[in-house]
Amino acid sequence: MGKRQLLIVDDEEYICNLLNLYLNDDFLITTACDGHIALSNVVQKKFDLIVLDIMLPGLSGWELCRKIRTISDSPIIMLTAKDDPHDKILGFDLGADDYVTKPFNPGEFLARVKAVLRRFNSASAETLQIINYPGIVLNKETFQVEILGHTLELTSKEFSLLWFFASNPGIVLQRENIMQRVWGFDYMGDTRTIDNTIKRLRRKLESIPKAPLYIQTVWGLGYKFEVPRDE
């Protein structure tokens, strides 16, 4: 098997060199020091992993992450000096798969890379690729959702969340279970990220005229996916 493709987006040469030292045995590494250049790279090439700083010239890491998620489901690890909890929540809300603050331990960072790729590869290897209920179709190969004939644009995290719900119809899913299955066992954020992502997902689902209320709140317990009756 050939090396995987890694994109490092950081304007600090020291960080790029350090990551290259630890990761070049397993990855073919592309570096970008500008947000616009990084986006151009993502448009032109499929990356197996993207390491993304926030404070970038040209295009901020926030905006870059948002744009990447409209065209790619590649795992994203944010690597930044911004350690405010609200920044971490925003990073996960925008579709990042992990969030690491500088300064960081290279060995721990390598372990996080492996954990993110394990989760991503495990999800990609599932045999079930299409879920089809009355009015809604989820296609895991294309990461597309169709509701009543309308194609819905979701981030990779929103799609993963909806897929998890749709894979467990009628079952009350607690926040802790959702966190473990969608964000990963080593996720260190709080449950507000889950609630905010569900709110965004619901808004998108309900933006389709006459769409059923697929995701319902079970007060005091969690959420569940209700399959409408095919009348």
C-alpha atoms as a PDB file:
ATOM      1  CA  MET A   1       0.000   0.000   0.000  1.00  0.00           C
ATOM      2  CA  GLY A   2       1.322   3.456  -0.909  1.00  0.00           C
ATOM      3  CA  LYS A   3       1.647   6.320   1.498  1.00  0.00           C
ATOM      4  CA  ARG A   4      -1.423   8.348   2.410  1.00  0.00           C
ATOM      5  CA  GLN A   5      -1.802  11.971   1.368  1.00  0.00           C
ATOM      6  CA  LEU A   6      -1.479  14.574   4.156  1.00  0.00           C
ATOM      7  CA  LEU A   7      -2.056  18.320   3.865  1.00  0.00           C
ATOM      8  CA  ILE A   8      -0.484  20.524   6.560  1.00  0.00           C
ATOM      9  CA  VAL A   9      -1.855  24.057   6.624  1.00  0.00           C
ATOM     10  CA  ASP A  10       0.281  26.276   8.883  1.00  0.00           C
ATOM     11  CA  ASP A  11       2.268  29.475   8.351  1.00  0.00           C
ATOM     12  CA  GLU A  12       4.899  28.472  10.941  1.00  0.00           C
ATOM     13  CA  GLU A  13       7.799  26.756   9.175  1.00  0.00           C
ATOM     14  CA  TYR A  14       8.914  25.149  12.440  1.00  0.00           C
ATOM     15  CA  ILE A  15       5.553  23.393  12.878  1.00  0.00           C
ATOM     16  CA  CYS A  16       5.561  22.142   9.285  1.00  0.00           C
ATOM     17  CA  ASN A  17       9.101  20.783   9.678  1.00  0.00           C
ATOM     18  CA  LEU A  18       8.282  19.135  13.011  1.00  0.00           C
ATOM     19  CA  LEU A  19       5.180  17.395  11.648  1.00  0.00           C
ATOM     20  CA  ASN A  20       7.093  16.343   8.562  1.00  0.00           C
ATOM     21  CA  LEU A  21       9.742  14.749  10.780  1.00  0.00           C
ATOM     22  CA  TYR A  22       7.171  12.659  12.665  1.00  0.00           C
ATOM     23  CA  LEU A  23       4.744  11.858   9.856  1.00  0.00           C
ATOM     24  CA  ASN A  24       6.749  11.470   6.637  1.00  0.00           C
ATOM     25  CA  ASP A  25       7.222   7.724   7.163  1.00  0.00           C
ATOM     26  CA  ASP A  26       3.479   7.202   6.706  1.00  0.00           C
ATOM     27  CA  PHE A  27       2.396  10.159   4.564  1.00  0.00           C
ATOM     28  CA  LEU A  28       3.185  12.022   1.383  1.00  0.00           C
ATOM     29  CA  ILE A  29       3.079  15.551   2.778  1.00  0.00           C
ATOM     30  CA  THR A  30       1.876  18.719   1.089  1.00  0.00           C
ATOM     31  CA  THR A  31       2.245  22.005   2.976  1.00  0.00           C
ATOM     32  CA  ALA A  32       0.425  25.296   2.558  1.00  0.00           C
ATOM     33  CA  CYS A  33       1.057  28.514   4.495  1.00  0.00           C
ATOM     34  CA  ASP A  34      -1.972  30.392   3.143  1.00  0.00           C
ATOM     35  CA  GLY A  35      -5.681  29.574   3.397  1.00  0.00           C
ATOM     36  CA  HIS A  36      -6.425  30.197  -0.276  1.00  0.00           C
ATOM     37  CA  ILE A  37      -3.518  28.006  -1.380  1.00  0.00           C
ATOM     38  CA  ALA A  38      -4.706  25.259   0.951  1.00  0.00           C
ATOM     39  CA  LEU A  39      -8.243  25.383  -0.452  1.00  0.00           C
ATOM     40  CA  SER A  40      -6.856  25.143  -3.990  1.00  0.00           C
ATOM     41  CA  ASN A  41      -4.929  22.019  -2.944  1.00  0.00           C
ATOM     42  CA  VAL A  42      -8.081  20.411  -1.514  1.00  0.00           C
ATOM     43  CA  VAL A  43     -10.004  21.160  -4.711  1.00  0.00           C
ATOM     44  CA  GLN A  44      -7.319  19.532  -6.845  1.00  0.00           C
ATOM     45  CA  LYS A  45      -6.387  16.506  -4.724  1.00  0.00           C
ATOM     46  CA  LYS A  46      -7.974  13.983  -2.351  1.00  0.00           C
ATOM     47  CA  PHE A  47      -6.227  14.033   1.040  1.00  0.00           C
ATOM     48  CA  ASP A  48      -6.448  11.281   3.640  1.00  0.00           C
ATOM     49  CA  LEU A  49      -5.888  13.799   6.453  1.00  0.00           C
ATOM     50  CA  ILE A  50      -5.738  17.589   6.832  1.00  0.00           C
ATOM     51  CA  VAL A  51      -3.921  19.326   9.712  1.00  0.00           C
ATOM     52  CA  LEU A  52      -5.221  22.869   9.947  1.00  0.00           C
ATOM     53  CA  ASP A  53      -4.082  25.972  11.844  1.00  0.00           C
ATOM     54  CA  ILE A  54      -6.623  28.729  12.561  1.00  0.00           C
ATOM     55  CA  MET A  55      -4.567  31.928  12.340  1.00  0.00           C
ATOM     56  CA  LEU A  56      -3.701  31.933   8.648  1.00  0.00           C
ATOM     57  CA  PRO A  57      -3.079  34.628   6.043  1.00  0.00           C
ATOM     58  CA  GLY A  58      -5.511  34.865   3.147  1.00  0.00           C
ATOM     59  CA  LEU A  59      -8.300  32.757   4.626  1.00  0.00           C
ATOM     60  CA  SER A  60      -8.788  31.910   8.300  1.00  0.00           C
ATOM     61  CA  GLY A  61      -8.786  28.325   9.497  1.00  0.00           C
ATOM     62  CA  TRP A  62     -12.437  28.701  10.516  1.00  0.00           C
ATOM     63  CA  GLU A  63     -13.523  29.730   7.034  1.00  0.00           C
ATOM     64  CA  LEU A  64     -11.201  27.197   5.409  1.00  0.00           C
ATOM     65  CA  CYS A  65     -12.636  24.363   7.502  1.00  0.00           C
ATOM     66  CA  ARG A  66     -16.162  25.440   6.557  1.00  0.00           C
ATOM     67  CA  LYS A  67     -15.294  25.510   2.849  1.00  0.00           C
ATOM     68  CA  ILE A  68     -13.457  22.182   2.971  1.00  0.00           C
ATOM     69  CA  ARG A  69     -16.498  20.522   4.486  1.00  0.00           C
ATOM     70  CA  THR A  70     -18.602  21.503   1.465  1.00  0.00           C
ATOM     71  CA  ILE A  71     -16.326  19.577  -0.910  1.00  0.00           C
ATOM     72  CA  SER A  72     -14.500  16.928   1.134  1.00  0.00           C
ATOM     73  CA  ASP A  73     -15.043  14.464   3.967  1.00  0.00           C
ATOM     74  CA  SER A  74     -11.293  14.124   4.679  1.00  0.00           C
ATOM     75  CA  PRO A  75     -10.561  14.010   8.431  1.00  0.00           C
ATOM     76  CA  ILE A  76      -9.460  17.386   9.815  1.00  0.00           C
ATOM     77  CA  ILE A  77      -7.306  17.940  12.908  1.00  0.00           C
ATOM     78  CA  MET A  78      -7.137  21.553  14.020  1.00  0.00           C
ATOM     79  CA  LEU A  79      -3.695  22.411  15.431  1.00  0.00           C
ATOM     80  CA  THR A  80      -3.679  25.873  16.939  1.00  0.00           C
ATOM     81  CA  ALA A  81      -2.564  28.104  19.795  1.00  0.00           C
ATOM     82  CA  LYS A  82      -6.196  29.088  20.438  1.00  0.00           C
ATOM     83  CA  ASP A  83      -7.104  27.102  23.551  1.00  0.00           C
ATOM     84  CA  ASP A  84     -10.365  28.768  24.569  1.00  0.00           C
ATOM     85  CA  PRO A  85     -13.131  26.149  25.074  1.00  0.00           C
ATOM     86  CA  HIS A  86     -15.436  28.167  22.809  1.00  0.00           C
ATOM     87  CA  ASP A  87     -12.865  27.912  20.003  1.00  0.00           C
ATOM     88  CA  LYS A  88     -12.770  24.144  20.442  1.00  0.00           C
ATOM     89  CA  ILE A  89     -16.548  23.949  20.298  1.00  0.00           C
ATOM     90  CA  LEU A  90     -16.582  26.084  17.152  1.00  0.00           C
ATOM     91  CA  GLY A  91     -13.950  23.851  15.561  1.00  0.00           C
ATOM     92  CA  PHE A  92     -16.011  20.732  16.134  1.00  0.00           C
ATOM     93  CA  ASP A  93     -19.181  22.513  15.010  1.00  0.00           C
ATOM     94  CA  LEU A  94     -17.483  23.404  11.721  1.00  0.00           C
ATOM     95  CA  GLY A  95     -16.629  19.759  11.093  1.00  0.00           C
ATOM     96  CA  ALA A  96     -13.185  19.207  12.633  1.00  0.00           C
ATOM     97  CA  ASP A  97     -12.538  15.649  13.847  1.00  0.00           C
ATOM     98  CA  ASP A  98     -10.040  16.610  16.553  1.00  0.00           C
ATOM     99  CA  TYR A  99      -8.599  19.760  18.118  1.00  0.00           C
ATOM    100  CA  VAL A 100      -5.033  19.983  19.415  1.00  0.00           C
ATOM    101  CA  THR A 101      -3.523  23.070  21.044  1.00  0.00           C
ATOM    102  CA  LYS A 102       0.040  24.351  20.739  1.00  0.00           C
ATOM    103  CA  PRO A 103       2.497  23.654  22.227  1.00  0.00           C
ATOM    104  CA  PHE A 104       1.908  19.950  21.768  1.00  0.00           C
ATOM    105  CA  ASN A 105       3.692  16.672  22.375  1.00  0.00           C
ATOM    106  CA  PRO A 106       4.616  15.141  18.975  1.00  0.00           C
ATOM    107  CA  GLY A 107       4.119  11.601  20.258  1.00  0.00           C
ATOM    108  CA  GLU A 108       0.625  12.410  21.550  1.00  0.00           C
ATOM    109  CA  PHE A 109      -0.184  14.162  18.275  1.00  0.00           C
ATOM    110  CA  LEU A 110       0.854  11.069  16.317  1.00  0.00           C
ATOM    111  CA  ALA A 111      -1.437   8.963  18.537  1.00  0.00           C
ATOM    112  CA  ARG A 112      -4.312  11.360  17.816  1.00  0.00           C
ATOM    113  CA  VAL A 113      -3.646  11.088  14.078  1.00  0.00           C
ATOM    114  CA  LYS A 114      -3.874   7.305  14.294  1.00  0.00           C
ATOM    115  CA  ALA A 115      -7.072   7.498  16.378  1.00  0.00           C
ATOM    116  CA  VAL A 116      -8.777   9.863  13.906  1.00  0.00           C
ATOM    117  CA  LEU A 117      -7.812   7.673  10.950  1.00  0.00           C
ATOM    118  CA  ARG A 118      -9.028   4.533  12.763  1.00  0.00           C
ATOM    119  CA  ARG A 119     -12.432   6.100  13.338  1.00  0.00           C
ATOM    120  CA  PHE A 120     -12.644   7.357   9.775  1.00  0.00           C
ATOM    121  CA  ASN A 121     -11.559   4.052   8.228  1.00  0.00           C
ATOM    122  CA  SER A 122     -13.900   2.075  10.475  1.00  0.00           C
ATOM    123  CA  ALA A 123     -16.845   4.215   9.423  1.00  0.00           C
ATOM    124  CA  SER A 124     -15.863   3.948   5.755  1.00  0.00           C
ATOM    125  CA  ALA A 125     -15.572   0.165   5.959  1.00  0.00           C
ATOM    126  CA  GLU A 126     -19.135  -0.455   7.063  1.00  0.00           C
ATOM    127  CA  THR A 127     -20.912  -2.663   4.536  1.00  0.00           C
ATOM    128  CA  LEU A 128     -24.198  -0.794   4.631  1.00  0.00           C
ATOM    129  CA  GLN A 129     -23.917   2.124   2.218  1.00  0.00           C
ATOM    130  CA  ILE A 130     -27.528   3.200   1.666  1.00  0.00           C
ATOM    131  CA  ILE A 131     -30.384   3.770   4.113  1.00  0.00           C
ATOM    132  CA  ASN A 132     -33.779   4.215   2.508  1.00  0.00           C
ATOM    133  CA  TYR A 133     -36.907   5.209   4.445  1.00  0.00           C
ATOM    134  CA  PRO A 134     -40.126   6.827   3.187  1.00  0.00           C
ATOM    135  CA  GLY A 135     -39.164  10.282   1.959  1.00  0.00           C
ATOM    136  CA  ILE A 136     -35.463  10.077   2.836  1.00  0.00           C
ATOM    137  CA  VAL A 137     -32.409   8.329   1.344  1.00  0.00           C
ATOM    138  CA  LEU A 138     -28.883   8.422   2.813  1.00  0.00           C
ATOM    139  CA  ASN A 139     -25.975   7.394   0.577  1.00  0.00           C
ATOM    140  CA  LYS A 140     -22.748   6.812   2.473  1.00  0.00           C
ATOM    141  CA  GLU A 141     -20.653   6.419  -0.676  1.00  0.00           C
ATOM    142  CA  THR A 142     -21.464   9.953  -1.832  1.00  0.00           C
ATOM    143  CA  PHE A 143     -22.320  11.476   1.584  1.00  0.00           C
ATOM    144  CA  GLN A 144     -25.569  12.711   0.044  1.00  0.00           C
ATOM    145  CA  VAL A 145     -29.007  12.943   1.599  1.00  0.00           C
ATOM    146  CA  GLU A 146     -32.184  13.204  -0.434  1.00  0.00           C
ATOM    147  CA  ILE A 147     -35.490  14.216   1.166  1.00  0.00           C
ATOM    148  CA  LEU A 148     -38.690  14.169  -0.882  1.00  0.00           C
ATOM    149  CA  GLY A 149     -36.628  14.508  -4.048  1.00  0.00           C
ATOM    150  CA  HIS A 150     -34.490  17.398  -2.711  1.00  0.00           C
ATOM    151  CA  THR A 151     -30.737  16.948  -2.225  1.00  0.00           C
ATOM    152  CA  LEU A 152     -29.541  18.210   1.153  1.00  0.00           C
ATOM    153  CA  GLU A 153     -26.035  19.604   1.712  1.00  0.00           C
ATOM    154  CA  LEU A 154     -24.577  18.383   5.026  1.00  0.00           C
ATOM    155  CA  THR A 155     -21.148  18.573   6.623  1.00  0.00           C
ATOM    156  CA  SER A 156     -19.425  15.252   7.257  1.00  0.00           C
ATOM    157  CA  LYS A 157     -20.214  15.475  10.970  1.00  0.00           C
ATOM    158  CA  GLU A 158     -23.881  16.269  10.288  1.00  0.00           C
ATOM    159  CA  PHE A 159     -24.064  13.342   7.874  1.00  0.00           C
ATOM    160  CA  SER A 160     -22.406  10.986  10.381  1.00  0.00           C
ATOM    161  CA  LEU A 161     -24.867  12.127  13.021  1.00  0.00           C
ATOM    162  CA  LEU A 162     -27.871  11.598  10.756  1.00  0.00           C
ATOM    163  CA  TRP A 163     -26.509   8.195   9.668  1.00  0.00           C
ATOM    164  CA  PHE A 164     -26.192   7.123  13.305  1.00  0.00           C
ATOM    165  CA  PHE A 165     -29.766   8.238  14.013  1.00  0.00           C
ATOM    166  CA  ALA A 166     -31.145   6.567  10.896  1.00  0.00           C
ATOM    167  CA  SER A 167     -29.266   3.344  11.717  1.00  0.00           C
ATOM    168  CA  ASN A 168     -31.160   3.157  15.032  1.00  0.00           C
ATOM    169  CA  PRO A 169     -34.782   4.048  14.214  1.00  0.00           C
ATOM    170  CA  GLY A 170     -37.145   4.389  17.160  1.00  0.00           C
ATOM    171  CA  ILE A 171     -34.336   3.985  19.717  1.00  0.00           C
ATOM    172  CA  VAL A 172     -33.731   6.729  22.276  1.00  0.00           C
ATOM    173  CA  LEU A 173     -30.079   7.754  21.939  1.00  0.00           C
ATOM    174  CA  GLN A 174     -28.490   9.505  24.906  1.00  0.00           C
ATOM    175  CA  ARG A 175     -25.916  12.268  24.449  1.00  0.00           C
ATOM    176  CA  GLU A 176     -23.108  10.127  25.862  1.00  0.00           C
ATOM    177  CA  ASN A 177     -23.830   7.377  23.335  1.00  0.00           C
ATOM    178  CA  ILE A 178     -23.992   9.883  20.476  1.00  0.00           C
ATOM    179  CA  MET A 179     -20.718  11.428  21.626  1.00  0.00           C
ATOM    180  CA  GLN A 180     -18.928   8.081  21.660  1.00  0.00           C
ATOM    181  CA  ARG A 181     -20.238   6.827  18.333  1.00  0.00           C
ATOM    182  CA  VAL A 182     -20.088  10.038  16.267  1.00  0.00           C
ATOM    183  CA  TRP A 183     -17.328  12.109  17.910  1.00  0.00           C
ATOM    184  CA  GLY A 184     -15.208   9.218  19.190  1.00  0.00           C
ATOM    185  CA  PHE A 185     -14.302   7.746  22.577  1.00  0.00           C
ATOM    186  CA  ASP A 186     -11.416  10.217  23.059  1.00  0.00           C
ATOM    187  CA  TYR A 187     -13.496  13.326  22.350  1.00  0.00           C
ATOM    188  CA  MET A 188     -12.802  15.923  25.053  1.00  0.00           C
ATOM    189  CA  GLY A 189     -15.475  18.516  24.188  1.00  0.00           C
ATOM    190  CA  ASP A 190     -18.806  19.024  25.931  1.00  0.00           C
ATOM    191  CA  THR A 191     -22.359  18.030  25.064  1.00  0.00           C
ATOM    192  CA  ARG A 192     -23.225  21.524  23.802  1.00  0.00           C
ATOM    193  CA  THR A 193     -21.398  20.627  20.595  1.00  0.00           C
ATOM    194  CA  ILE A 194     -23.772  17.688  20.136  1.00  0.00           C
ATOM    195  CA  ASP A 195     -26.857  19.805  20.791  1.00  0.00           C
ATOM    196  CA  ASN A 196     -25.665  22.561  18.446  1.00  0.00           C
ATOM    197  CA  THR A 197     -24.915  20.072  15.662  1.00  0.00           C
ATOM    198  CA  ILE A 198     -28.343  18.460  16.090  1.00  0.00           C
ATOM    199  CA  LYS A 199     -29.988  21.902  15.932  1.00  0.00           C
ATOM    200  CA  ARG A 200     -28.186  22.685  12.664  1.00  0.00           C
ATOM    201  CA  LEU A 201     -29.071  19.275  11.249  1.00  0.00           C
ATOM    202  CA  ARG A 202     -32.726  19.696  12.190  1.00  0.00           C
ATOM    203  CA  ARG A 203     -32.884  23.118  10.559  1.00  0.00           C
ATOM    204  CA  LYS A 204     -31.546  21.664   7.335  1.00  0.00           C
ATOM    205  CA  LEU A 205     -33.929  18.703   7.431  1.00  0.00           C
ATOM    206  CA  GLU A 206     -36.915  20.941   8.175  1.00  0.00           C
ATOM    207  CA  SER A 207     -35.971  23.400   5.418  1.00  0.00           C
ATOM    208  CA  ILE A 208     -37.431  20.920   2.926  1.00  0.00           C
ATOM    209  CA  PRO A 209     -41.154  21.671   2.427  1.00  0.00           C
ATOM    210  CA  LYS A 210     -43.452  19.022   3.952  1.00  0.00           C
ATOM    211  CA  ALA A 211     -40.494  17.036   5.317  1.00  0.00           C
ATOM    212  CA  PRO A 212     -41.395  14.835   8.324  1.00  0.00           C
ATOM    213  CA  LEU A 213     -39.871  15.510  11.740  1.00  0.00           C
ATOM    214  CA  TYR A 214     -37.303  12.742  11.580  1.00  0.00           C
ATOM    215  CA  ILE A 215     -35.270  13.691  14.695  1.00  0.00           C
ATOM    216  CA  GLN A 216     -37.339  14.072  17.830  1.00  0.00           C
ATOM    217  CA  THR A 217     -36.365  15.119  21.344  1.00  0.00           C
ATOM    218  CA  VAL A 218     -37.158  12.752  24.196  1.00  0.00           C
ATOM    219  CA  TRP A 219     -37.104  15.165  27.124  1.00  0.00           C
ATOM    220  CA  GLY A 220     -34.700  14.197  29.893  1.00  0.00           C
ATOM    221  CA  LEU A 221     -33.309  11.267  27.896  1.00  0.00           C
ATOM    222  CA  GLY A 222     -31.961  12.234  24.489  1.00  0.00           C
ATOM    223  CA  TYR A 223     -33.069  11.995  20.869  1.00  0.00           C
ATOM    224  CA  LYS A 224     -34.574   9.433  18.530  1.00  0.00           C
ATOM    225  CA  PHE A 225     -35.095   8.987  14.802  1.00  0.00           C
ATOM    226  CA  GLU A 226     -38.724   8.356  13.829  1.00  0.00           C
ATOM    227  CA  VAL A 227     -39.506   6.636  10.548  1.00  0.00           C
ATOM    228  CA  PRO A 228     -42.725   8.050   9.054  1.00  0.00           C
ATOM    229  CA  ARG A 229     -45.412   5.658   7.958  1.00  0.00           C
ATOM    230  CA  ASP A 230     -45.536   5.107   4.217  1.00  0.00           C
ATOM    231  CA  GLU A 231     -49.183   5.864   3.650  1.00  0.00           C
END
